[in-house]
Amino acid sequence: MRVEIIRHLMRLNILFLVFINTLNPVKAFKVLSKLTRLRREAHRTHRITKLAFVDRRWFSAPNLPGWPSRAFNQFVKQQIIKYRDGNEYPFVMQTVFFGVTRACKLKCKHCSENIHGYQKEDSDLKTLTDIYDRLNDSGIPHIQFTGGEPIERYDDIVNLIRRYNGMDTWILTSGFELTEERASNLKEAGLTGVNISLDHWDTGKHNSFRGNCDSFRWVEKAVMSCLAQGLVVSLSLCATKEFTTRENLEKYIELCLSY
């Protein structure tokens, strides 16, 4: 019942944003219809099917800002203006994957960066800061730090996040060295959540896929550390053909729910 109430409040928020950004009932109806159709095409449903409540906000997906927030309103507003003005509206990215490093201690079987091996950084902090500030100035409501392994540049990411707290910020990570102290500092800086890669319920098979015998342990430590600090935690799975059986999926879900 509580979740259903939240769904209705989110819809009312969107409806309010539609009307104040169109000021025309006909345009408002057309924009709302387009937004509804867009959601159905992307998610095969017109309803929000799942919600997570973390730190006084509700999250429906790792790539969408939490509600209520300035970032959520900005995300919706950009979509409204885009469909209101059509081709007259300049293209604005809603979510940015910001690769801050190629360095990584894993050798994942599916990773395109794996061919480069462990490298020193391509960009210094000033270059990353200039890019981040431009993204911020453009009004992007959602950014995800990735790599390589972004925690390799932990100090730099903390500095970047502290520059601006109006957008939702996430880290896509293997869990490498994501201790509770680091999770606490990232939370204090303004980090929203982490998307941690967990590719099998079986320790050995996950480690084999990731090319590091410590990988599964990193994942579990990172999950518990981030949950303890009130960060949103999402677990991502790169499912191989071998993995995709009912038994594996059920055991994977069981493991995720145990954290």
Protein backbone atom coordinates (compact mmCIF):
# COMPACT_ATOMS: atom_id res chain seq x y z
CA MET A 1 0.00 0.00 0.00
CA ARG A 2 2.82 2.42 0.89
CA VAL A 3 4.58 1.80 -2.43
CA GLU A 4 1.35 2.43 -4.33
CA ILE A 5 1.00 5.80 -2.57
CA ILE A 6 4.60 6.69 -3.54
CA ARG A 7 3.86 5.77 -7.16
CA HIS A 8 0.88 8.13 -7.17
CA LEU A 9 2.92 10.94 -5.59
CA MET A 10 5.65 10.51 -8.20
CA ARG A 11 3.05 10.68 -10.97
CA LEU A 12 1.59 13.85 -9.45
CA ASN A 13 5.08 15.35 -9.31
CA ILE A 14 5.59 14.55 -13.01
CA LEU A 15 2.14 15.88 -13.88
CA PHE A 16 2.91 19.13 -12.06
CA LEU A 17 6.21 19.48 -13.93
CA VAL A 18 4.45 18.86 -17.24
CA PHE A 19 1.92 21.63 -16.64
CA ILE A 20 4.34 24.27 -15.37
CA ASN A 21 6.67 23.60 -18.31
CA THR A 22 3.95 23.73 -20.97
CA LEU A 23 1.32 26.14 -19.60
CA ASN A 24 -1.02 24.72 -22.20
CA PRO A 25 -3.50 21.86 -21.54
CA VAL A 26 -3.26 20.54 -25.11
CA LYS A 27 0.54 20.55 -25.12
CA ALA A 28 0.55 19.06 -21.64
CA PHE A 29 -1.61 16.15 -22.77
CA LYS A 30 0.59 15.51 -25.82
CA VAL A 31 3.80 15.61 -23.80
CA LEU A 32 2.37 13.34 -21.12
CA SER A 33 1.26 10.86 -23.79
CA LYS A 34 4.75 10.85 -25.32
CA LEU A 35 6.41 10.33 -21.93
CA THR A 36 4.05 7.45 -21.15
CA ARG A 37 4.74 5.84 -24.52
CA LEU A 38 8.48 6.29 -24.04
CA ARG A 39 8.36 4.50 -20.70
CA ARG A 40 6.35 1.63 -22.14
CA GLU A 41 8.84 1.21 -24.99
CA ALA A 42 11.81 1.28 -22.63
CA HIS A 43 10.41 -0.84 -19.79
CA ARG A 44 7.47 -2.71 -21.38
CA THR A 45 5.17 -1.32 -18.72
CA HIS A 46 3.48 1.94 -17.78
CA ARG A 47 3.92 1.24 -14.05
CA ILE A 48 6.93 1.52 -11.79
CA THR A 49 7.32 -2.12 -10.83
CA LYS A 50 9.88 -1.86 -8.03
CA LEU A 51 11.14 0.78 -5.63
CA ALA A 52 13.93 0.97 -3.05
CA PHE A 53 13.80 3.45 -0.17
CA VAL A 54 17.25 4.73 0.78
CA ASP A 55 18.21 7.89 2.65
CA ARG A 56 14.71 9.43 2.47
CA ARG A 57 14.39 8.92 -1.29
CA TRP A 58 12.82 6.33 -3.58
CA PHE A 59 14.80 4.71 -6.40
CA SER A 60 13.33 2.74 -9.32
CA ALA A 61 16.57 2.07 -11.25
CA PRO A 62 20.33 2.71 -10.93
CA ASN A 63 20.29 4.94 -14.03
CA LEU A 64 17.51 7.25 -12.81
CA PRO A 65 17.69 9.94 -10.11
CA GLY A 66 15.96 9.20 -6.84
CA TRP A 67 12.66 10.87 -5.90
CA PRO A 68 12.09 13.43 -4.51
CA SER A 69 15.11 15.48 -5.51
CA ARG A 70 16.33 18.33 -7.64
CA ALA A 71 18.01 15.78 -9.91
CA PHE A 72 14.73 13.91 -10.44
CA ASN A 73 12.92 17.13 -11.37
CA GLN A 74 15.73 18.12 -13.74
CA PHE A 75 15.64 14.68 -15.39
CA VAL A 76 11.88 14.91 -15.99
CA LYS A 77 12.00 18.57 -17.00
CA GLN A 78 14.53 17.88 -19.76
CA GLN A 79 12.31 15.16 -21.18
CA ILE A 80 9.27 17.44 -21.06
CA ILE A 81 11.00 20.32 -22.85
CA LYS A 82 12.44 17.92 -25.43
CA TYR A 83 9.00 16.62 -26.39
CA ARG A 84 7.40 20.03 -26.02
CA ASP A 85 9.80 21.73 -28.42
CA GLY A 86 10.71 18.79 -30.66
CA ASN A 87 13.72 19.45 -32.88
CA GLU A 88 14.08 22.96 -31.49
CA TYR A 89 15.32 21.58 -28.18
CA PRO A 90 19.11 21.00 -28.07
CA PHE A 91 20.27 17.48 -27.28
CA VAL A 92 21.10 17.03 -23.59
CA MET A 93 22.38 13.80 -22.10
CA GLN A 94 20.37 12.47 -19.17
CA THR A 95 22.94 9.98 -17.87
CA VAL A 96 26.71 10.10 -18.40
CA PHE A 97 29.14 7.24 -17.89
CA PHE A 98 32.35 9.05 -16.92
CA GLY A 99 35.40 6.82 -17.41
CA VAL A 100 38.03 8.14 -15.04
CA THR A 101 40.69 5.44 -15.46
CA ARG A 102 41.77 2.34 -17.37
CA ALA A 103 43.62 0.95 -14.37
CA CYS A 104 42.21 -2.24 -12.85
CA LYS A 105 43.57 -5.24 -10.97
CA LEU A 106 41.02 -7.59 -12.54
CA LYS A 107 41.17 -9.39 -15.87
CA CYS A 108 37.49 -9.80 -16.61
CA LYS A 109 36.62 -12.02 -19.55
CA HIS A 110 34.08 -9.57 -20.96
CA CYS A 111 35.97 -6.29 -20.47
CA SER A 112 37.08 -4.25 -23.47
CA GLU A 113 39.75 -2.57 -21.33
CA ASN A 114 41.32 -5.92 -20.46
CA ILE A 115 43.50 -5.82 -23.58
CA HIS A 116 45.26 -2.71 -22.23
CA GLY A 117 46.35 -4.33 -18.98
CA TYR A 118 47.15 -2.32 -15.87
CA GLN A 119 48.03 1.23 -16.91
CA LYS A 120 48.88 4.59 -15.46
CA GLU A 121 46.29 7.32 -15.81
CA ASP A 122 45.61 9.15 -19.08
CA SER A 123 44.13 12.26 -17.46
CA ASP A 124 45.17 14.29 -14.43
CA LEU A 125 42.72 15.62 -11.86
CA LYS A 126 42.55 19.06 -13.52
CA THR A 127 41.42 17.51 -16.82
CA LEU A 128 38.81 15.38 -15.07
CA THR A 129 37.61 18.42 -13.12
CA ASP A 130 37.23 20.50 -16.28
CA ILE A 131 35.13 17.74 -17.88
CA TYR A 132 33.06 17.28 -14.73
CA ASP A 133 32.36 21.01 -14.45
CA ARG A 134 31.20 21.14 -18.07
CA LEU A 135 28.87 18.22 -17.46
CA ASN A 136 27.57 19.96 -14.37
CA ASP A 137 27.03 23.25 -16.21
CA SER A 138 25.06 21.48 -18.95
CA GLY A 139 22.44 20.41 -16.40
CA ILE A 140 23.02 16.65 -16.50
CA PRO A 141 21.09 15.15 -13.56
CA HIS A 142 22.82 11.75 -13.33
CA ILE A 143 26.44 10.65 -13.65
CA GLN A 144 28.12 7.27 -13.19
CA PHE A 145 31.87 6.98 -12.60
CA THR A 146 33.39 4.00 -14.35
CA GLY A 147 36.72 2.69 -15.65
CA GLY A 148 38.70 0.41 -15.51
CA GLU A 149 38.15 0.32 -11.79
CA PRO A 150 37.14 3.84 -10.66
CA ILE A 151 38.11 3.18 -7.03
CA GLU A 152 41.71 3.21 -8.31
CA ARG A 153 41.13 6.98 -8.34
CA TYR A 154 39.26 7.12 -5.07
CA ASP A 155 40.70 10.46 -3.87
CA ASP A 156 40.00 12.13 -7.21
CA ILE A 157 36.40 10.87 -7.28
CA VAL A 158 35.79 12.21 -3.77
CA ASN A 159 37.10 15.60 -4.89
CA LEU A 160 34.89 15.57 -7.99
CA ILE A 161 31.72 14.61 -6.13
CA ARG A 162 32.29 17.32 -3.55
CA ARG A 163 32.25 19.97 -6.26
CA TYR A 164 28.52 19.60 -6.78
CA ASN A 165 25.72 17.76 -5.01
CA GLY A 166 22.79 18.67 -7.26
CA MET A 167 23.12 15.62 -9.50
CA ASP A 168 22.87 11.97 -8.55
CA THR A 169 26.31 10.37 -8.61
CA TRP A 170 27.04 6.64 -8.81
CA ILE A 171 30.14 4.46 -9.01
CA LEU A 172 30.28 1.33 -11.18
CA THR A 173 32.77 -0.90 -9.39
CA SER A 174 34.08 -4.41 -8.82
CA GLY A 175 34.14 -3.62 -5.11
CA PHE A 176 37.92 -3.30 -5.13
CA GLU A 177 39.13 -1.72 -1.86
CA LEU A 178 35.72 -0.19 -1.17
CA THR A 179 36.03 -0.27 2.60
CA GLU A 180 33.52 1.12 5.09
CA GLU A 181 35.77 4.13 5.72
CA ARG A 182 35.87 4.90 2.01
CA ALA A 183 32.13 4.33 1.68
CA SER A 184 31.59 6.75 4.55
CA ASN A 185 33.78 9.42 2.93
CA LEU A 186 32.05 8.97 -0.43
CA LYS A 187 28.65 9.27 1.23
CA GLU A 188 29.73 12.43 3.05
CA ALA A 189 31.01 13.89 -0.24
CA GLY A 190 27.60 13.37 -1.84
CA LEU A 191 27.71 9.97 -3.57
CA THR A 192 24.25 8.52 -4.23
CA GLY A 193 24.96 4.85 -4.85
CA VAL A 194 27.18 2.07 -6.13
CA ASN A 195 26.61 -0.52 -8.81
CA ILE A 196 28.75 -3.52 -7.84
CA SER A 197 29.54 -6.31 -10.29
CA LEU A 198 28.63 -9.77 -9.04
CA ASP A 199 28.72 -12.33 -11.84
CA HIS A 200 27.99 -15.60 -10.07
CA TRP A 201 26.67 -16.91 -6.77
CA ASP A 202 29.56 -19.38 -6.67
CA THR A 203 32.77 -17.85 -5.28
CA GLY A 204 35.13 -19.74 -7.55
CA LYS A 205 33.18 -19.13 -10.74
CA HIS A 206 32.84 -15.42 -10.05
CA ASN A 207 36.57 -15.15 -9.32
CA SER A 208 37.40 -17.09 -12.49
CA PHE A 209 35.22 -14.79 -14.61
CA ARG A 210 36.83 -11.75 -13.01
CA GLY A 211 40.38 -13.08 -13.22
CA ASN A 212 41.21 -12.46 -9.57
CA CYS A 213 40.98 -14.82 -6.60
CA ASP A 214 39.98 -11.97 -4.25
CA SER A 215 37.15 -10.56 -6.36
CA PHE A 216 34.21 -12.26 -4.59
CA ARG A 217 35.53 -11.17 -1.20
CA TRP A 218 35.81 -7.59 -2.46
CA VAL A 219 32.19 -7.67 -3.60
CA GLU A 220 30.84 -8.87 -0.27
CA LYS A 221 32.91 -6.39 1.72
CA ALA A 222 31.89 -3.51 -0.56
CA VAL A 223 28.19 -4.40 -0.37
CA MET A 224 28.18 -4.51 3.43
CA SER A 225 30.29 -1.35 3.72
CA CYS A 226 28.03 0.66 1.41
CA LEU A 227 24.81 -0.59 3.00
CA ALA A 228 26.15 0.35 6.42
CA GLN A 229 26.72 3.93 5.20
CA GLY A 230 23.25 4.35 3.68
CA LEU A 231 24.32 4.28 0.05
CA VAL A 232 22.05 2.82 -2.60
CA VAL A 233 23.45 -0.57 -3.60
CA SER A 234 22.76 -2.28 -6.91
CA LEU A 235 24.29 -5.60 -7.98
CA SER A 236 24.90 -6.08 -11.69
CA LEU A 237 25.26 -9.41 -13.46
CA CYS A 238 27.03 -10.14 -16.73
CA ALA A 239 25.15 -13.36 -17.48
CA THR A 240 26.89 -15.90 -19.69
CA LYS A 241 24.99 -18.54 -21.66
CA GLU A 242 26.23 -21.16 -19.22
CA PHE A 243 24.94 -19.16 -16.26
CA THR A 244 21.40 -18.56 -17.48
CA THR A 245 19.52 -21.43 -15.88
CA ARG A 246 16.64 -21.20 -13.45
CA GLU A 247 18.74 -22.78 -10.70
CA ASN A 248 21.59 -20.27 -11.10
CA LEU A 249 19.24 -17.28 -11.22
CA GLU A 250 17.39 -18.41 -8.10
CA LYS A 251 20.64 -18.96 -6.19
CA TYR A 252 21.92 -15.57 -7.38
CA ILE A 253 18.76 -13.84 -6.13
CA GLU A 254 18.98 -15.73 -2.84
CA LEU A 255 22.56 -14.54 -2.37
CA CYS A 256 21.66 -10.91 -3.16
CA LEU A 257 18.77 -10.95 -0.69
CA SER A 258 21.06 -12.28 2.02
CA TYR A 259 23.14 -9.08 2.16
